[in-house]
Amino acid sequence: MLASGLGISFAVLALIGGILYRRRLQAARRSEVGYAISDDMIRQIETAGRIEVEEPLDLKEIRAEEDQFWGESWDEPEEF
């Protein structure tokens, strides 16, 4: 009797944890929507060669991210 009660309690806790985790993932995805490229944007790139965005791009931020990326050290691939 005690073991089945513990099993049910564990299952309920796992279910609640899964729901909370899924909500956090969805919230994180919603916050990144500004960086997502939709199918309509891809079609616009294919037809016009560029896309129009509502907000102007922050060129300083883009340059800083590029500098950080290219400033990282690159390890040689391991040989098998």
C-alpha atoms as a PDB file:
ATOM      1  CA  MET A   1       0.000   0.000   0.000  1.00  0.00           C
ATOM      2  CA  LEU A   2       2.776   2.435   0.911  1.00  0.00           C
ATOM      3  CA  ALA A   3       4.774   1.541  -2.209  1.00  0.00           C
ATOM      4  CA  SER A   4       1.824   2.229  -4.526  1.00  0.00           C
ATOM      5  CA  GLY A   5       1.196   5.557  -2.784  1.00  0.00           C
ATOM      6  CA  LEU A   6       4.847   6.517  -3.303  1.00  0.00           C
ATOM      7  CA  GLY A   7       4.646   5.441  -6.933  1.00  0.00           C
ATOM      8  CA  ILE A   8       1.559   7.567  -7.512  1.00  0.00           C
ATOM      9  CA  SER A   9       3.188  10.524  -5.742  1.00  0.00           C
ATOM     10  CA  PHE A  10       6.301  10.156  -7.897  1.00  0.00           C
ATOM     11  CA  ALA A  11       4.194   9.961 -11.059  1.00  0.00           C
ATOM     12  CA  VAL A  12       2.279  13.127 -10.112  1.00  0.00           C
ATOM     13  CA  LEU A  13       5.531  14.978  -9.358  1.00  0.00           C
ATOM     14  CA  ALA A  14       7.030  13.834 -12.665  1.00  0.00           C
ATOM     15  CA  LEU A  15       3.922  14.998 -14.516  1.00  0.00           C
ATOM     16  CA  ILE A  16       3.995  18.415 -12.848  1.00  0.00           C
ATOM     17  CA  GLY A  17       7.721  18.727 -13.558  1.00  0.00           C
ATOM     18  CA  GLY A  18       7.144  17.878 -17.218  1.00  0.00           C
ATOM     19  CA  ILE A  19       4.401  20.473 -17.531  1.00  0.00           C
ATOM     20  CA  LEU A  20       6.549  23.169 -15.911  1.00  0.00           C
ATOM     21  CA  TYR A  21       9.515  22.266 -18.145  1.00  0.00           C
ATOM     22  CA  ARG A  22       7.368  22.457 -21.272  1.00  0.00           C
ATOM     23  CA  ARG A  23       6.034  25.877 -20.237  1.00  0.00           C
ATOM     24  CA  ARG A  24       9.591  27.167 -19.737  1.00  0.00           C
ATOM     25  CA  LEU A  25      10.589  25.897 -23.182  1.00  0.00           C
ATOM     26  CA  GLN A  26       7.604  27.581 -24.805  1.00  0.00           C
ATOM     27  CA  ALA A  27       8.345  30.860 -23.001  1.00  0.00           C
ATOM     28  CA  ALA A  28      11.969  30.698 -24.147  1.00  0.00           C
ATOM     29  CA  ARG A  29      10.875  30.103 -27.738  1.00  0.00           C
ATOM     30  CA  ARG A  30       8.462  33.040 -27.585  1.00  0.00           C
ATOM     31  CA  SER A  31      11.245  35.336 -26.404  1.00  0.00           C
ATOM     32  CA  GLU A  32      13.396  34.316 -29.392  1.00  0.00           C
ATOM     33  CA  VAL A  33      10.675  35.004 -31.962  1.00  0.00           C
ATOM     34  CA  GLY A  34      12.470  38.135 -33.141  1.00  0.00           C
ATOM     35  CA  TYR A  35      15.333  35.965 -34.369  1.00  0.00           C
ATOM     36  CA  ALA A  36      13.238  33.320 -36.101  1.00  0.00           C
ATOM     37  CA  ILE A  37      12.926  33.183 -39.865  1.00  0.00           C
ATOM     38  CA  SER A  38       9.492  32.207 -41.093  1.00  0.00           C
ATOM     39  CA  ASP A  39       8.559  30.483 -44.333  1.00  0.00           C
ATOM     40  CA  ASP A  40       7.182  33.788 -45.639  1.00  0.00           C
ATOM     41  CA  MET A  41      10.548  35.448 -44.987  1.00  0.00           C
ATOM     42  CA  ILE A  42      12.327  32.685 -46.890  1.00  0.00           C
ATOM     43  CA  ARG A  43       9.954  33.130 -49.853  1.00  0.00           C
ATOM     44  CA  GLN A  44      10.615  36.881 -49.764  1.00  0.00           C
ATOM     45  CA  ILE A  45      14.371  36.241 -49.809  1.00  0.00           C
ATOM     46  CA  GLU A  46      13.955  33.888 -52.764  1.00  0.00           C
ATOM     47  CA  THR A  47      11.861  36.359 -54.787  1.00  0.00           C
ATOM     48  CA  ALA A  48      13.340  39.736 -53.809  1.00  0.00           C
ATOM     49  CA  GLY A  49      16.779  38.715 -52.620  1.00  0.00           C
ATOM     50  CA  ARG A  50      16.298  40.374 -49.221  1.00  0.00           C
ATOM     51  CA  ILE A  51      13.828  40.764 -46.379  1.00  0.00           C
ATOM     52  CA  GLU A  52      12.483  43.848 -44.702  1.00  0.00           C
ATOM     53  CA  VAL A  53      12.390  43.914 -40.907  1.00  0.00           C
ATOM     54  CA  GLU A  54      10.348  46.239 -38.737  1.00  0.00           C
ATOM     55  CA  GLU A  55      13.189  47.117 -36.363  1.00  0.00           C
ATOM     56  CA  PRO A  56      16.501  48.437 -37.623  1.00  0.00           C
ATOM     57  CA  LEU A  57      19.422  46.089 -37.110  1.00  0.00           C
ATOM     58  CA  ASP A  58      21.906  46.925 -34.373  1.00  0.00           C
ATOM     59  CA  LEU A  59      25.103  46.833 -36.415  1.00  0.00           C
ATOM     60  CA  LYS A  60      27.317  47.333 -33.353  1.00  0.00           C
ATOM     61  CA  GLU A  61      25.788  44.288 -31.661  1.00  0.00           C
ATOM     62  CA  ILE A  62      26.166  42.245 -34.844  1.00  0.00           C
ATOM     63  CA  ARG A  63      29.827  43.296 -35.179  1.00  0.00           C
ATOM     64  CA  ALA A  64      30.495  42.416 -31.499  1.00  0.00           C
ATOM     65  CA  GLU A  65      28.957  38.940 -31.978  1.00  0.00           C
ATOM     66  CA  GLU A  66      31.013  38.365 -35.137  1.00  0.00           C
ATOM     67  CA  ASP A  67      34.209  39.490 -33.404  1.00  0.00           C
ATOM     68  CA  GLN A  68      33.484  37.169 -30.488  1.00  0.00           C
ATOM     69  CA  PHE A  69      32.804  34.258 -32.859  1.00  0.00           C
ATOM     70  CA  TRP A  70      35.956  34.738 -34.931  1.00  0.00           C
ATOM     71  CA  GLY A  71      38.023  35.474 -31.809  1.00  0.00           C
ATOM     72  CA  GLU A  72      37.407  31.974 -30.412  1.00  0.00           C
ATOM     73  CA  SER A  73      40.176  29.453 -30.725  1.00  0.00           C
ATOM     74  CA  TRP A  74      39.506  26.566 -33.042  1.00  0.00           C
ATOM     75  CA  ASP A  75      40.822  23.145 -32.141  1.00  0.00           C
ATOM     76  CA  GLU A  76      42.136  20.896 -34.824  1.00  0.00           C
ATOM     77  CA  PRO A  77      39.921  17.870 -35.544  1.00  0.00           C
ATOM     78  CA  GLU A  78      40.946  14.637 -33.906  1.00  0.00           C
ATOM     79  CA  GLU A  79      42.376  11.958 -36.141  1.00  0.00           C
ATOM     80  CA  PHE A  80      40.855   8.491 -35.950  1.00  0.00           C
END
